Amino acid sequence: MIAIDFSWAIALYAAVSLVLVFSVWVFTRKEKEKEVTIEPKFIWFCSICTYTYINTKEDTISVCPRCGSYNEAHPDRKL
């Protein structure tokens, strides 16, 4: 029989348990592919400062976050 001190037995048990839990976590975790798509109707171009920004509200007039000017939706843009 192998003689082992009680504190070493507890440390060995804790280490094996942690390695086992970490291994299960690493191999069962599933990375979800995040597909980010933005519809062209939400992309706005400021006519004053030429800043490109995203506004998810379906308005015909938007305020530029950089310069504060009002921008109108382009006629070819579908809302």
PDB file of N, CA and C in Angstrom:
ATOM      1  N   MET A   1       0.836  -1.177   0.000  1.00  0.00           N
ATOM      2  CA  MET A   1       0.000   0.000   0.000  1.00  0.00           C
ATOM      3  C   MET A   1       0.885   1.245   0.000  1.00  0.00           C
ATOM      4  N   ILE A   2       0.408   2.284  -0.661  1.00  0.00           N
ATOM      5  CA  ILE A   2       1.172   3.523  -0.774  1.00  0.00           C
ATOM      6  C   ILE A   2       0.838   4.403   0.423  1.00  0.00           C
ATOM      7  N   ALA A   3       1.854   4.825   1.131  1.00  0.00           N
ATOM      8  CA  ALA A   3       1.661   5.713   2.276  1.00  0.00           C
ATOM      9  C   ALA A   3       1.669   7.153   1.776  1.00  0.00           C
ATOM     10  N   ILE A   4       0.615   7.897   2.092  1.00  0.00           N
ATOM     11  CA  ILE A   4       0.495   9.283   1.657  1.00  0.00           C
ATOM     12  C   ILE A   4      -0.075  10.096   2.817  1.00  0.00           C
ATOM     13  N   ASP A   5       0.438  11.279   2.966  1.00  0.00           N
ATOM     14  CA  ASP A   5      -0.023  12.170   4.028  1.00  0.00           C
ATOM     15  C   ASP A   5      -1.436  12.663   3.695  1.00  0.00           C
ATOM     16  N   PHE A   6      -2.229  12.960   4.706  1.00  0.00           N
ATOM     17  CA  PHE A   6      -3.621  13.374   4.505  1.00  0.00           C
ATOM     18  C   PHE A   6      -3.711  14.679   3.715  1.00  0.00           C
ATOM     19  N   SER A   7      -2.855  15.645   3.994  1.00  0.00           N
ATOM     20  CA  SER A   7      -2.897  16.929   3.283  1.00  0.00           C
ATOM     21  C   SER A   7      -2.535  16.746   1.801  1.00  0.00           C
ATOM     22  N   TRP A   8      -1.587  15.836   1.509  1.00  0.00           N
ATOM     23  CA  TRP A   8      -1.255  15.557   0.118  1.00  0.00           C
ATOM     24  C   TRP A   8      -2.408  14.859  -0.594  1.00  0.00           C
ATOM     25  N   ALA A   9      -3.129  14.029   0.099  1.00  0.00           N
ATOM     26  CA  ALA A   9      -4.270  13.339  -0.495  1.00  0.00           C
ATOM     27  C   ALA A   9      -5.371  14.332  -0.853  1.00  0.00           C
ATOM     28  N   ILE A  10      -5.636  15.287   0.025  1.00  0.00           N
ATOM     29  CA  ILE A  10      -6.651  16.319  -0.238  1.00  0.00           C
ATOM     30  C   ILE A  10      -6.206  17.190  -1.420  1.00  0.00           C
ATOM     31  N   ALA A  11      -4.934  17.577  -1.443  1.00  0.00           N
ATOM     32  CA  ALA A  11      -4.424  18.410  -2.532  1.00  0.00           C
ATOM     33  C   ALA A  11      -4.499  17.664  -3.866  1.00  0.00           C
ATOM     34  N   LEU A  12      -4.144  16.397  -3.866  1.00  0.00           N
ATOM     35  CA  LEU A  12      -4.213  15.590  -5.084  1.00  0.00           C
ATOM     36  C   LEU A  12      -5.658  15.422  -5.558  1.00  0.00           C
ATOM     37  N   TYR A  13      -6.557  15.174  -4.633  1.00  0.00           N
ATOM     38  CA  TYR A  13      -7.979  15.038  -4.970  1.00  0.00           C
ATOM     39  C   TYR A  13      -8.523  16.346  -5.560  1.00  0.00           C
ATOM     40  N   ALA A  14      -8.168  17.492  -4.959  1.00  0.00           N
ATOM     41  CA  ALA A  14      -8.633  18.791  -5.452  1.00  0.00           C
ATOM     42  C   ALA A  14      -8.057  19.078  -6.837  1.00  0.00           C
ATOM     43  N   ALA A  15      -6.782  18.765  -7.035  1.00  0.00           N
ATOM     44  CA  ALA A  15      -6.158  19.026  -8.325  1.00  0.00           C
ATOM     45  C   ALA A  15      -6.769  18.170  -9.429  1.00  0.00           C
ATOM     46  N   VAL A  16      -6.995  16.897  -9.155  1.00  0.00           N
ATOM     47  CA  VAL A  16      -7.606  16.017 -10.150  1.00  0.00           C
ATOM     48  C   VAL A  16      -9.031  16.472 -10.458  1.00  0.00           C
ATOM     49  N   SER A  17      -9.763  16.888  -9.425  1.00  0.00           N
ATOM     50  CA  SER A  17     -11.136  17.364  -9.636  1.00  0.00           C
ATOM     51  C   SER A  17     -11.147  18.622 -10.503  1.00  0.00           C
ATOM     52  N   LEU A  18     -10.245  19.556 -10.224  1.00  0.00           N
ATOM     53  CA  LEU A  18     -10.196  20.790 -11.007  1.00  0.00           C
ATOM     54  C   LEU A  18      -9.808  20.522 -12.463  1.00  0.00           C
ATOM     55  N   VAL A  19      -8.856  19.628 -12.681  1.00  0.00           N
ATOM     56  CA  VAL A  19      -8.464  19.287 -14.042  1.00  0.00           C
ATOM     57  C   VAL A  19      -9.626  18.627 -14.773  1.00  0.00           C
ATOM     58  N   LEU A  20     -10.345  17.773 -14.101  1.00  0.00           N
ATOM     59  CA  LEU A  20     -11.488  17.107 -14.718  1.00  0.00           C
ATOM     60  C   LEU A  20     -12.590  18.107 -15.083  1.00  0.00           C
ATOM     61  N   VAL A  21     -12.916  19.005 -14.161  1.00  0.00           N
ATOM     62  CA  VAL A  21     -13.952  20.011 -14.427  1.00  0.00           C
ATOM     63  C   VAL A  21     -13.515  20.935 -15.562  1.00  0.00           C
ATOM     64  N   PHE A  22     -12.266  21.359 -15.567  1.00  0.00           N
ATOM     65  CA  PHE A  22     -11.767  22.228 -16.625  1.00  0.00           C
ATOM     66  C   PHE A  22     -11.792  21.521 -17.981  1.00  0.00           C
ATOM     67  N   SER A  23     -11.428  20.247 -18.000  1.00  0.00           N
ATOM     68  CA  SER A  23     -11.446  19.485 -19.249  1.00  0.00           C
ATOM     69  C   SER A  23     -12.859  19.350 -19.800  1.00  0.00           C
ATOM     70  N   VAL A  24     -13.805  19.068 -18.941  1.00  0.00           N
ATOM     71  CA  VAL A  24     -15.202  18.960 -19.380  1.00  0.00           C
ATOM     72  C   VAL A  24     -15.686  20.297 -19.908  1.00  0.00           C
ATOM     73  N   TRP A  25     -15.320  21.376 -19.225  1.00  0.00           N
ATOM     74  CA  TRP A  25     -15.747  22.709 -19.657  1.00  0.00           C
ATOM     75  C   TRP A  25     -15.159  23.054 -21.027  1.00  0.00           C
ATOM     76  N   VAL A  26     -13.889  22.757 -21.245  1.00  0.00           N
ATOM     77  CA  VAL A  26     -13.242  23.101 -22.508  1.00  0.00           C
ATOM     78  C   VAL A  26     -13.824  22.291 -23.659  1.00  0.00           C
ATOM     79  N   PHE A  27     -14.044  21.010 -23.463  1.00  0.00           N
ATOM     80  CA  PHE A  27     -14.487  20.163 -24.561  1.00  0.00           C
ATOM     81  C   PHE A  27     -15.982  20.223 -24.828  1.00  0.00           C
ATOM     82  N   THR A  28     -16.787  20.683 -23.885  1.00  0.00           N
ATOM     83  CA  THR A  28     -18.233  20.752 -24.119  1.00  0.00           C
ATOM     84  C   THR A  28     -18.700  22.142 -24.492  1.00  0.00           C
ATOM     85  N   ARG A  29     -17.843  23.129 -24.381  1.00  0.00           N
ATOM     86  CA  ARG A  29     -18.254  24.488 -24.711  1.00  0.00           C
ATOM     87  C   ARG A  29     -18.353  24.612 -26.221  1.00  0.00           C
ATOM     88  N   LYS A  30     -19.417  25.206 -26.648  1.00  0.00           N
ATOM     89  CA  LYS A  30     -19.646  25.368 -28.078  1.00  0.00           C
ATOM     90  C   LYS A  30     -19.583  26.851 -28.410  1.00  0.00           C
ATOM     91  N   GLU A  31     -18.712  27.175 -29.329  1.00  0.00           N
ATOM     92  CA  GLU A  31     -18.639  28.556 -29.754  1.00  0.00           C
ATOM     93  C   GLU A  31     -19.665  28.781 -30.844  1.00  0.00           C
ATOM     94  N   LYS A  32     -20.512  29.735 -30.610  1.00  0.00           N
ATOM     95  CA  LYS A  32     -21.535  30.058 -31.586  1.00  0.00           C
ATOM     96  C   LYS A  32     -20.972  31.091 -32.551  1.00  0.00           C
ATOM     97  N   GLU A  33     -21.189  30.832 -33.810  1.00  0.00           N
ATOM     98  CA  GLU A  33     -20.750  31.794 -34.808  1.00  0.00           C
ATOM     99  C   GLU A  33     -21.730  32.957 -34.818  1.00  0.00           C
ATOM    100  N   LYS A  34     -21.188  34.111 -34.619  1.00  0.00           N
ATOM    101  CA  LYS A  34     -22.022  35.301 -34.612  1.00  0.00           C
ATOM    102  C   LYS A  34     -21.931  35.956 -35.979  1.00  0.00           C
ATOM    103  N   GLU A  35     -23.027  35.928 -36.661  1.00  0.00           N
ATOM    104  CA  GLU A  35     -23.066  36.536 -37.979  1.00  0.00           C
ATOM    105  C   GLU A  35     -23.729  37.897 -37.851  1.00  0.00           C
ATOM    106  N   VAL A  36     -22.960  38.904 -38.102  1.00  0.00           N
ATOM    107  CA  VAL A  36     -23.458  40.262 -37.979  1.00  0.00           C
ATOM    108  C   VAL A  36     -23.767  40.788 -39.371  1.00  0.00           C
ATOM    109  N   THR A  37     -25.009  41.134 -39.570  1.00  0.00           N
ATOM    110  CA  THR A  37     -25.399  41.726 -40.843  1.00  0.00           C
ATOM    111  C   THR A  37     -26.178  43.004 -40.559  1.00  0.00           C
ATOM    112  N   ILE A  38     -25.910  43.985 -41.342  1.00  0.00           N
ATOM    113  CA  ILE A  38     -26.603  45.262 -41.201  1.00  0.00           C
ATOM    114  C   ILE A  38     -27.275  45.565 -42.531  1.00  0.00           C
ATOM    115  N   GLU A  39     -28.542  45.832 -42.454  1.00  0.00           N
ATOM    116  CA  GLU A  39     -29.268  46.176 -43.671  1.00  0.00           C
ATOM    117  C   GLU A  39     -28.825  47.560 -44.144  1.00  0.00           C
ATOM    118  N   PRO A  40     -28.738  47.754 -45.433  1.00  0.00           N
ATOM    119  CA  PRO A  40     -28.297  49.057 -45.961  1.00  0.00           C
ATOM    120  C   PRO A  40     -29.190  50.223 -45.549  1.00  0.00           C
ATOM    121  N   LYS A  41     -30.444  49.953 -45.219  1.00  0.00           N
ATOM    122  CA  LYS A  41     -31.332  51.067 -44.847  1.00  0.00           C
ATOM    123  C   LYS A  41     -30.977  51.663 -43.491  1.00  0.00           C
ATOM    124  N   PHE A  42     -30.156  50.981 -42.691  1.00  0.00           N
ATOM    125  CA  PHE A  42     -29.762  51.499 -41.385  1.00  0.00           C
ATOM    126  C   PHE A  42     -28.423  52.225 -41.424  1.00  0.00           C
ATOM    127  N   ILE A  43     -27.747  52.225 -42.552  1.00  0.00           N
ATOM    128  CA  ILE A  43     -26.471  52.921 -42.683  1.00  0.00           C
ATOM    129  C   ILE A  43     -26.738  54.324 -43.219  1.00  0.00           C
ATOM    130  N   TRP A  44     -26.306  55.315 -42.456  1.00  0.00           N
ATOM    131  CA  TRP A  44     -26.530  56.707 -42.811  1.00  0.00           C
ATOM    132  C   TRP A  44     -25.189  57.376 -43.097  1.00  0.00           C
ATOM    133  N   PHE A  45     -25.207  58.334 -44.026  1.00  0.00           N
ATOM    134  CA  PHE A  45     -24.039  59.122 -44.365  1.00  0.00           C
ATOM    135  C   PHE A  45     -24.380  60.591 -44.118  1.00  0.00           C
ATOM    136  N   CYS A  46     -23.571  61.241 -43.298  1.00  0.00           N
ATOM    137  CA  CYS A  46     -23.817  62.661 -43.008  1.00  0.00           C
ATOM    138  C   CYS A  46     -23.383  63.496 -44.211  1.00  0.00           C
ATOM    139  N   SER A  47     -24.249  64.399 -44.609  1.00  0.00           N
ATOM    140  CA  SER A  47     -23.948  65.245 -45.774  1.00  0.00           C
ATOM    141  C   SER A  47     -23.045  66.420 -45.404  1.00  0.00           C
ATOM    142  N   ILE A  48     -22.860  66.705 -44.123  1.00  0.00           N
ATOM    143  CA  ILE A  48     -22.032  67.828 -43.698  1.00  0.00           C
ATOM    144  C   ILE A  48     -20.606  67.368 -43.375  1.00  0.00           C
ATOM    145  N   CYS A  49     -20.466  66.409 -42.469  1.00  0.00           N
ATOM    146  CA  CYS A  49     -19.123  65.995 -42.030  1.00  0.00           C
ATOM    147  C   CYS A  49     -18.680  64.668 -42.643  1.00  0.00           C
ATOM    148  N   THR A  50     -19.483  64.090 -43.521  1.00  0.00           N
ATOM    149  CA  THR A  50     -19.215  62.825 -44.228  1.00  0.00           C
ATOM    150  C   THR A  50     -18.969  61.657 -43.284  1.00  0.00           C
ATOM    151  N   TYR A  51     -19.574  61.698 -42.113  1.00  0.00           N
ATOM    152  CA  TYR A  51     -19.459  60.610 -41.134  1.00  0.00           C
ATOM    153  C   TYR A  51     -20.461  59.511 -41.483  1.00  0.00           C
ATOM    154  N   THR A  52     -20.038  58.272 -41.402  1.00  0.00           N
ATOM    155  CA  THR A  52     -20.919  57.136 -41.644  1.00  0.00           C
ATOM    156  C   THR A  52     -21.333  56.570 -40.296  1.00  0.00           C
ATOM    157  N   TYR A  53     -22.630  56.437 -40.074  1.00  0.00           N
ATOM    158  CA  TYR A  53     -23.115  55.939 -38.794  1.00  0.00           C
ATOM    159  C   TYR A  53     -24.319  55.033 -39.006  1.00  0.00           C
ATOM    160  N   ILE A  54     -24.692  54.337 -37.941  1.00  0.00           N
ATOM    161  CA  ILE A  54     -25.807  53.395 -37.985  1.00  0.00           C
ATOM    162  C   ILE A  54     -26.942  53.936 -37.135  1.00  0.00           C
ATOM    163  N   ASN A  55     -28.119  53.962 -37.701  1.00  0.00           N
ATOM    164  CA  ASN A  55     -29.322  54.381 -36.985  1.00  0.00           C
ATOM    165  C   ASN A  55     -30.389  53.334 -37.269  1.00  0.00           C
ATOM    166  N   THR A  56     -30.773  52.579 -36.254  1.00  0.00           N
ATOM    167  CA  THR A  56     -31.705  51.474 -36.460  1.00  0.00           C
ATOM    168  C   THR A  56     -33.160  51.906 -36.460  1.00  0.00           C
ATOM    169  N   LYS A  57     -33.418  53.170 -36.216  1.00  0.00           N
ATOM    170  CA  LYS A  57     -34.798  53.658 -36.296  1.00  0.00           C
ATOM    171  C   LYS A  57     -35.163  53.839 -37.764  1.00  0.00           C
ATOM    172  N   GLU A  58     -36.366  53.518 -38.086  1.00  0.00           N
ATOM    173  CA  GLU A  58     -36.795  53.634 -39.479  1.00  0.00           C
ATOM    174  C   GLU A  58     -37.427  55.007 -39.716  1.00  0.00           C
ATOM    175  N   ASP A  59     -36.623  56.045 -39.563  1.00  0.00           N
ATOM    176  CA  ASP A  59     -37.066  57.417 -39.771  1.00  0.00           C
ATOM    177  C   ASP A  59     -36.614  57.900 -41.146  1.00  0.00           C
ATOM    178  N   THR A  60     -37.228  58.985 -41.590  1.00  0.00           N
ATOM    179  CA  THR A  60     -36.796  59.587 -42.851  1.00  0.00           C
ATOM    180  C   THR A  60     -35.748  60.661 -42.602  1.00  0.00           C
ATOM    181  N   ILE A  61     -35.648  61.153 -41.360  1.00  0.00           N
ATOM    182  CA  ILE A  61     -34.639  62.148 -40.999  1.00  0.00           C
ATOM    183  C   ILE A  61     -33.892  61.628 -39.777  1.00  0.00           C
ATOM    184  N   SER A  62     -32.567  61.756 -39.821  1.00  0.00           N
ATOM    185  CA  SER A  62     -31.726  61.287 -38.726  1.00  0.00           C
ATOM    186  C   SER A  62     -30.755  62.391 -38.330  1.00  0.00           C
ATOM    187  N   VAL A  63     -30.310  62.360 -37.078  1.00  0.00           N
ATOM    188  CA  VAL A  63     -29.356  63.346 -36.579  1.00  0.00           C
ATOM    189  C   VAL A  63     -27.981  62.690 -36.507  1.00  0.00           C
ATOM    190  N   CYS A  64     -27.003  63.353 -37.074  1.00  0.00           N
ATOM    191  CA  CYS A  64     -25.639  62.841 -37.065  1.00  0.00           C
ATOM    192  C   CYS A  64     -25.085  62.883 -35.643  1.00  0.00           C
ATOM    193  N   PRO A  65     -24.510  61.772 -35.147  1.00  0.00           N
ATOM    194  CA  PRO A  65     -23.978  61.784 -33.790  1.00  0.00           C
ATOM    195  C   PRO A  65     -22.689  62.593 -33.657  1.00  0.00           C
ATOM    196  N   ARG A  66     -22.004  62.871 -34.746  1.00  0.00           N
ATOM    197  CA  ARG A  66     -20.752  63.621 -34.668  1.00  0.00           C
ATOM    198  C   ARG A  66     -20.978  65.128 -34.697  1.00  0.00           C
ATOM    199  N   CYS A  67     -21.701  65.617 -35.706  1.00  0.00           N
ATOM    200  CA  CYS A  67     -21.835  67.073 -35.851  1.00  0.00           C
ATOM    201  C   CYS A  67     -23.224  67.597 -35.487  1.00  0.00           C
ATOM    202  N   GLY A  68     -24.202  66.706 -35.343  1.00  0.00           N
ATOM    203  CA  GLY A  68     -25.535  67.124 -34.935  1.00  0.00           C
ATOM    204  C   GLY A  68     -26.417  67.629 -36.064  1.00  0.00           C
ATOM    205  N   SER A  69     -25.975  67.515 -37.297  1.00  0.00           N
ATOM    206  CA  SER A  69     -26.786  67.986 -38.414  1.00  0.00           C
ATOM    207  C   SER A  69     -27.851  66.944 -38.773  1.00  0.00           C
ATOM    208  N   TYR A  70     -28.905  67.438 -39.385  1.00  0.00           N
ATOM    209  CA  TYR A  70     -29.995  66.557 -39.787  1.00  0.00           C
ATOM    210  C   TYR A  70     -29.722  66.014 -41.186  1.00  0.00           C
ATOM    211  N   ASN A  71     -29.970  64.725 -41.358  1.00  0.00           N
ATOM    212  CA  ASN A  71     -29.756  64.074 -42.646  1.00  0.00           C
ATOM    213  C   ASN A  71     -31.048  63.421 -43.084  1.00  0.00           C
ATOM    214  N   GLU A  72     -31.321  63.552 -44.363  1.00  0.00           N
ATOM    215  CA  GLU A  72     -32.534  62.987 -44.923  1.00  0.00           C
ATOM    216  C   GLU A  72     -32.202  61.672 -45.625  1.00  0.00           C
ATOM    217  N   ALA A  73     -33.135  60.746 -45.562  1.00  0.00           N
ATOM    218  CA  ALA A  73     -32.928  59.450 -46.216  1.00  0.00           C
ATOM    219  C   ALA A  73     -32.864  59.654 -47.729  1.00  0.00           C
ATOM    220  N   HIS A  74     -32.018  58.903 -48.356  1.00  0.00           N
ATOM    221  CA  HIS A  74     -31.904  58.972 -49.812  1.00  0.00           C
ATOM    222  C   HIS A  74     -33.149  58.392 -50.460  1.00  0.00           C
ATOM    223  N   PRO A  75     -33.568  58.912 -51.598  1.00  0.00           N
ATOM    224  CA  PRO A  75     -34.788  58.426 -52.246  1.00  0.00           C
ATOM    225  C   PRO A  75     -34.689  56.969 -52.706  1.00  0.00           C
ATOM    226  N   ASP A  76     -33.480  56.497 -53.004  1.00  0.00           N
ATOM    227  CA  ASP A  76     -33.343  55.108 -53.452  1.00  0.00           C
ATOM    228  C   ASP A  76     -33.300  54.126 -52.282  1.00  0.00           C
ATOM    229  N   ARG A  77     -33.302  54.655 -51.072  1.00  0.00           N
ATOM    230  CA  ARG A  77     -33.255  53.816 -49.879  1.00  0.00           C
ATOM    231  C   ARG A  77     -34.660  53.378 -49.491  1.00  0.00           C
ATOM    232  N   LYS A  78     -34.839  52.091 -49.299  1.00  0.00           N
ATOM    233  CA  LYS A  78     -36.156  51.557 -48.965  1.00  0.00           C
ATOM    234  C   LYS A  78     -36.317  51.482 -47.455  1.00  0.00           C
ATOM    235  N   LEU A  79     -37.389  52.076 -46.946  1.00  0.00           N
ATOM    236  CA  LEU A  79     -37.663  52.018 -45.512  1.00  0.00           C
ATOM    237  C   LEU A  79     -38.647  50.980 -45.161  1.00  0.00           C
TER     238      LEU A  79
END
